[in-house]
Amino acid sequence: MTVIYATKVDTLGRSPKEKRKKENVVSQKLLFFAVEKEYGIIEDHLVLAQEENRKPYFHGYPVHFNYSHSGQYVVVALSATPVGVDVEHREREITPRLLQRILGIGLLQPNEVVGLSPINVWTRYEAAFKIGVKPPLTRYFCEYDLDGHIISVCSEKDAFCDNVVLVEFEK
């Protein structure tokens, strides 16, 4: 089962560099929190490592994860199989030129984008790209709405949680 955790992050008034740093710190905090809740593994037992392609993983544990941040939200996806996640504000503009370029790459199949809005196509593309799958491998998508944001998740299994788990960390 693929599960999604999210939290708000306050980055108002920060420079772009400070904002990115804060989002990364909160992403990792949310990741460790979610792994403990879902798998009972505490942070002290987890060692983050990187594959050759720089994708992070937990050394010695078969927990796949991915995270994303946009606007005021950080999201983490956890799964038993490779997983990718992307979050974007629904108001983000995806130009026709960018949409054409995304579709021209061929990572998404035509049946995976029929009837979707440009922002949904973008988030699906980002989620699929993050797990590194290339057609025609089997993969599944699930979308969630969160306070004006769209979350797209891509996984090799068609087993997704019903809702996003919202977490509020003490400030």
Protein backbone atom coordinates (compact mmCIF):
# COMPACT_ATOMS: atom_id res chain seq x y z
CA MET A 1 0.00 0.00 0.00
CA THR A 2 1.29 3.44 -0.91
CA VAL A 3 0.65 6.03 1.80
CA ILE A 4 0.96 9.80 1.62
CA TYR A 5 1.89 12.13 4.48
CA ALA A 6 1.82 15.92 4.27
CA THR A 7 2.59 18.89 6.46
CA LYS A 8 2.53 22.65 6.10
CA VAL A 9 5.81 24.50 6.11
CA ASP A 10 6.14 28.20 6.84
CA THR A 11 8.71 29.77 4.53
CA LEU A 12 7.26 33.27 4.33
CA GLY A 13 9.88 36.00 4.26
CA ARG A 14 12.74 33.63 3.54
CA SER A 15 15.16 33.90 0.64
CA PRO A 16 14.89 31.17 -2.02
CA LYS A 17 17.98 29.46 -0.57
CA GLU A 18 16.60 29.58 3.00
CA LYS A 19 13.20 28.41 1.75
CA ARG A 20 14.72 25.36 0.01
CA LYS A 21 16.78 24.52 3.11
CA LYS A 22 13.71 24.72 5.36
CA GLU A 23 11.67 22.55 2.95
CA ASN A 24 14.44 19.93 2.88
CA VAL A 25 14.67 19.84 6.69
CA VAL A 26 10.89 19.46 7.01
CA SER A 27 10.84 16.80 4.24
CA GLN A 28 13.33 14.67 6.13
CA LYS A 29 11.51 15.20 9.43
CA LEU A 30 8.21 14.15 7.83
CA LEU A 31 9.89 11.16 6.16
CA PHE A 32 11.27 9.79 9.44
CA PHE A 33 7.93 10.45 11.18
CA ALA A 34 6.00 8.58 8.46
CA VAL A 35 8.39 5.60 8.44
CA GLU A 36 8.04 5.23 12.21
CA LYS A 37 4.23 5.44 12.01
CA GLU A 38 3.89 3.01 9.09
CA TYR A 39 6.71 0.54 9.76
CA GLY A 40 7.64 1.07 13.41
CA ILE A 41 11.24 1.84 12.49
CA ILE A 42 12.71 4.69 14.51
CA GLU A 43 15.00 7.29 12.98
CA ASP A 44 18.04 6.02 14.91
CA HIS A 45 17.87 2.73 12.97
CA LEU A 46 17.62 4.34 9.54
CA VAL A 47 20.64 5.14 7.41
CA LEU A 48 20.03 7.20 4.29
CA ALA A 49 22.14 6.21 1.30
CA GLN A 50 22.09 7.12 -2.40
CA GLU A 51 21.90 4.98 -5.47
CA GLU A 52 24.18 5.78 -8.42
CA ASN A 53 21.47 8.03 -9.86
CA ARG A 54 21.41 9.96 -6.55
CA LYS A 55 17.99 8.59 -5.56
CA PRO A 56 17.95 8.19 -1.77
CA TYR A 57 17.03 4.95 -0.02
CA PHE A 58 17.23 3.39 3.43
CA HIS A 59 20.18 1.03 3.71
CA GLY A 60 18.94 -2.38 4.87
CA TYR A 61 15.20 -1.66 4.75
CA PRO A 62 12.81 -2.36 1.86
CA VAL A 63 10.96 0.92 2.29
CA HIS A 64 10.63 2.97 -0.89
CA PHE A 65 9.95 6.67 -0.54
CA ASN A 66 9.86 9.95 -2.36
CA TYR A 67 9.07 13.50 -1.35
CA SER A 68 8.11 16.79 -2.92
CA HIS A 69 7.38 20.32 -1.82
CA SER A 70 5.50 23.22 -3.32
CA GLY A 71 3.92 26.31 -1.92
CA GLN A 72 3.13 25.68 1.70
CA TYR A 73 3.16 21.87 1.62
CA VAL A 74 5.72 19.11 1.91
CA VAL A 75 4.54 15.60 0.99
CA VAL A 76 6.10 12.17 1.46
CA ALA A 77 5.05 8.93 -0.24
CA LEU A 78 5.97 5.53 1.24
CA SER A 79 5.55 2.17 -0.47
CA ALA A 80 6.81 -1.39 -0.67
CA THR A 81 7.63 -0.73 -4.35
CA PRO A 82 9.31 2.21 -6.10
CA VAL A 83 7.19 5.34 -5.75
CA GLY A 84 7.25 8.91 -7.02
CA VAL A 85 5.25 11.88 -5.80
CA ASP A 86 4.80 15.48 -6.89
CA VAL A 87 2.80 18.33 -5.37
CA GLU A 88 1.96 21.60 -7.09
CA HIS A 89 -0.45 24.44 -6.48
CA ARG A 90 -3.42 24.14 -8.83
CA GLU A 91 -2.89 27.72 -9.98
CA ARG A 92 0.59 27.03 -11.33
CA GLU A 93 0.58 27.79 -15.01
CA ILE A 94 1.70 25.04 -17.35
CA THR A 95 2.23 26.64 -20.74
CA PRO A 96 1.19 24.83 -23.94
CA ARG A 97 4.86 24.73 -24.95
CA LEU A 98 5.87 23.02 -21.70
CA LEU A 99 2.95 20.60 -22.01
CA GLN A 100 4.01 19.70 -25.56
CA ARG A 101 7.57 19.11 -24.41
CA ILE A 102 6.39 16.86 -21.54
CA LEU A 103 4.21 14.79 -23.84
CA GLY A 104 6.93 14.67 -26.51
CA ILE A 105 9.36 12.98 -24.13
CA GLY A 106 7.15 9.89 -24.15
CA LEU A 107 7.34 9.08 -20.44
CA LEU A 108 3.54 9.30 -20.20
CA GLN A 109 1.34 7.19 -22.42
CA PRO A 110 -1.64 8.84 -24.19
CA ASN A 111 -4.13 6.82 -22.10
CA GLU A 112 -2.49 8.19 -18.93
CA VAL A 113 -3.27 11.82 -19.76
CA VAL A 114 -6.62 11.77 -21.59
CA GLY A 115 -8.95 14.32 -20.06
CA LEU A 116 -6.42 15.65 -17.55
CA SER A 117 -5.74 19.31 -16.92
CA PRO A 118 -2.24 20.59 -17.73
CA ILE A 119 -1.29 20.70 -14.02
CA ASN A 120 -2.38 17.07 -13.58
CA VAL A 121 -0.28 16.05 -16.59
CA TRP A 122 2.71 17.91 -15.13
CA THR A 123 2.42 16.31 -11.67
CA ARG A 124 1.97 12.83 -13.20
CA TYR A 125 5.05 13.40 -15.35
CA GLU A 126 7.10 14.49 -12.33
CA ALA A 127 5.92 11.52 -10.22
CA ALA A 128 6.66 9.01 -13.02
CA PHE A 129 10.05 10.60 -13.70
CA LYS A 130 11.02 10.23 -10.03
CA ILE A 131 10.62 6.45 -10.03
CA GLY A 132 12.54 6.18 -13.26
CA VAL A 133 10.08 3.97 -15.08
CA LYS A 134 10.05 3.97 -18.81
CA PRO A 135 7.22 2.74 -20.99
CA PRO A 136 5.84 0.17 -21.37
CA LEU A 137 6.38 -0.87 -17.72
CA THR A 138 3.21 -1.17 -15.69
CA ARG A 139 2.57 1.71 -13.34
CA TYR A 140 -0.40 3.29 -11.66
CA PHE A 141 -1.31 6.83 -10.72
CA CYS A 142 -3.42 8.31 -7.98
CA GLU A 143 -4.24 11.97 -7.39
CA TYR A 144 -5.20 13.76 -4.21
CA ASP A 145 -6.50 17.28 -3.62
CA LEU A 146 -5.06 19.19 -0.69
CA ASP A 147 -6.06 22.77 0.00
CA GLY A 148 -5.63 24.06 -3.57
CA HIS A 149 -2.77 21.68 -4.36
CA ILE A 150 -2.72 18.57 -6.52
CA ILE A 151 -0.66 15.59 -5.39
CA SER A 152 0.13 12.93 -7.99
CA VAL A 153 1.61 9.59 -6.99
CA CYS A 154 3.07 6.98 -9.31
CA SER A 155 3.69 3.40 -8.20
CA GLU A 156 4.24 -0.03 -9.68
CA LYS A 157 1.26 -1.35 -7.67
CA ASP A 158 -2.35 -0.22 -7.79
CA ALA A 159 -2.72 0.08 -4.02
CA PHE A 160 -3.09 3.62 -2.68
CA CYS A 161 -4.37 5.02 0.60
CA ASP A 162 -7.74 6.77 0.54
CA ASN A 163 -6.55 10.03 2.07
CA VAL A 164 -3.46 12.08 2.73
CA VAL A 165 -2.33 11.90 6.37
CA LEU A 166 -1.89 15.50 7.56
CA VAL A 167 0.75 15.98 10.24
CA GLU A 168 1.23 19.10 12.30
CA PHE A 169 4.64 19.51 13.86
CA GLU A 170 5.09 21.81 16.81
CA LYS A 171 6.52 25.16 15.80
